[in-house]
Amino acid sequence: MATQINQLGSMMAADVLAWGAAVIGIALTASAVIWVMRLMRA
């Protein structure tokens, strides 16, 4: 039982890390796009 809980925990941790990386990547991409659009308008 303990090994199952441990496996589930590590799977969830990997999921959270993947989601966090995706969110940060999307945020960075969005800010980069906004920055480039601002530069082109200036």
N, C-alpha and C. Protein backbone atom coordinates (compact mmCIF):
# COMPACT_ATOMS: atom_id res chain seq x y z
N MET A 1 0.84 -1.20 0.00
CA MET A 1 0.00 0.00 0.00
C MET A 1 0.87 1.26 0.00
N ALA A 2 1.90 1.24 0.84
CA ALA A 2 2.76 2.43 0.94
C ALA A 2 3.44 2.73 -0.40
N THR A 3 3.84 1.67 -1.10
CA THR A 3 4.52 1.89 -2.39
C THR A 3 3.55 2.50 -3.40
N GLN A 4 2.29 2.07 -3.35
CA GLN A 4 1.30 2.63 -4.27
C GLN A 4 1.12 4.13 -4.00
N ILE A 5 0.99 4.48 -2.72
CA ILE A 5 0.81 5.90 -2.36
C ILE A 5 2.04 6.69 -2.81
N ASN A 6 3.22 6.11 -2.61
CA ASN A 6 4.46 6.78 -3.01
C ASN A 6 4.49 7.00 -4.52
N GLN A 7 4.10 5.98 -5.28
CA GLN A 7 4.07 6.10 -6.74
C GLN A 7 3.10 7.20 -7.16
N LEU A 8 1.91 7.18 -6.55
CA LEU A 8 0.90 8.18 -6.88
C LEU A 8 1.43 9.58 -6.58
N GLY A 9 2.10 9.72 -5.43
CA GLY A 9 2.65 11.02 -5.04
C GLY A 9 3.68 11.51 -6.03
N SER A 10 4.58 10.63 -6.46
CA SER A 10 5.62 11.06 -7.41
C SER A 10 5.00 11.37 -8.76
N MET A 11 3.96 10.63 -9.16
CA MET A 11 3.27 10.93 -10.42
C MET A 11 2.61 12.30 -10.36
N MET A 12 1.96 12.58 -9.23
CA MET A 12 1.30 13.88 -9.07
C MET A 12 2.33 15.01 -9.06
N ALA A 13 3.47 14.77 -8.41
CA ALA A 13 4.53 15.79 -8.37
C ALA A 13 5.02 16.08 -9.78
N ALA A 14 5.22 15.04 -10.58
CA ALA A 14 5.68 15.22 -11.96
C ALA A 14 4.62 15.99 -12.74
N ASP A 15 3.34 15.67 -12.50
CA ASP A 15 2.24 16.36 -13.18
C ASP A 15 2.25 17.84 -12.83
N VAL A 16 2.40 18.14 -11.54
CA VAL A 16 2.41 19.54 -11.08
C VAL A 16 3.59 20.28 -11.70
N LEU A 17 4.75 19.63 -11.75
CA LEU A 17 5.93 20.26 -12.36
C LEU A 17 5.69 20.53 -13.83
N ALA A 18 5.09 19.56 -14.53
CA ALA A 18 4.81 19.73 -15.96
C ALA A 18 3.84 20.88 -16.18
N TRP A 19 2.77 20.93 -15.37
CA TRP A 19 1.80 22.01 -15.50
C TRP A 19 2.44 23.36 -15.20
N GLY A 20 3.27 23.40 -14.14
CA GLY A 20 3.95 24.65 -13.78
C GLY A 20 4.85 25.12 -14.92
N ALA A 21 5.60 24.19 -15.51
CA ALA A 21 6.48 24.55 -16.62
C ALA A 21 5.66 25.05 -17.80
N ALA A 22 4.53 24.41 -18.08
CA ALA A 22 3.67 24.83 -19.20
C ALA A 22 3.13 26.23 -18.96
N VAL A 23 2.65 26.48 -17.73
CA VAL A 23 2.09 27.80 -17.41
C VAL A 23 3.16 28.88 -17.54
N ILE A 24 4.37 28.60 -17.01
CA ILE A 24 5.46 29.58 -17.09
C ILE A 24 5.84 29.82 -18.55
N GLY A 25 5.89 28.74 -19.33
CA GLY A 25 6.24 28.87 -20.74
C GLY A 25 5.22 29.72 -21.50
N ILE A 26 3.94 29.49 -21.24
CA ILE A 26 2.88 30.26 -21.90
C ILE A 26 2.97 31.73 -21.49
N ALA A 27 3.21 31.97 -20.20
CA ALA A 27 3.30 33.35 -19.70
C ALA A 27 4.49 34.06 -20.34
N LEU A 28 5.63 33.38 -20.43
CA LEU A 28 6.82 33.98 -21.04
C LEU A 28 6.57 34.27 -22.52
N THR A 29 5.94 33.34 -23.21
CA THR A 29 5.65 33.54 -24.63
C THR A 29 4.72 34.74 -24.83
N ALA A 30 3.68 34.82 -23.99
CA ALA A 30 2.72 35.92 -24.11
C ALA A 30 3.41 37.26 -23.86
N SER A 31 4.25 37.33 -22.82
CA SER A 31 4.92 38.60 -22.52
C SER A 31 5.90 38.96 -23.63
N ALA A 32 6.56 37.95 -24.22
CA ALA A 32 7.49 38.21 -25.32
C ALA A 32 6.73 38.76 -26.53
N VAL A 33 5.58 38.17 -26.83
CA VAL A 33 4.77 38.64 -27.96
C VAL A 33 4.33 40.08 -27.73
N ILE A 34 3.86 40.38 -26.51
CA ILE A 34 3.41 41.74 -26.19
C ILE A 34 4.58 42.72 -26.33
N TRP A 35 5.77 42.31 -25.85
CA TRP A 35 6.95 43.15 -25.90
C TRP A 35 7.33 43.45 -27.35
N VAL A 36 7.31 42.43 -28.22
CA VAL A 36 7.66 42.61 -29.63
C VAL A 36 6.65 43.53 -30.30
N MET A 37 5.36 43.34 -30.00
CA MET A 37 4.34 44.21 -30.60
C MET A 37 4.55 45.65 -30.18
N ARG A 38 4.92 45.86 -28.91
CA ARG A 38 5.19 47.21 -28.42
C ARG A 38 6.38 47.82 -29.17
N LEU A 39 7.44 47.02 -29.37
CA LEU A 39 8.63 47.53 -30.07
C LEU A 39 8.28 47.91 -31.50
N MET A 40 7.45 47.10 -32.16
CA MET A 40 7.09 47.38 -33.55
C MET A 40 6.24 48.64 -33.65
N ARG A 41 5.41 48.90 -32.64
CA ARG A 41 4.56 50.10 -32.67
C ARG A 41 5.38 51.36 -32.40
N ALA A 42 6.40 51.24 -31.55
CA ALA A 42 7.18 52.41 -31.14
C ALA A 42 7.94 53.01 -32.33
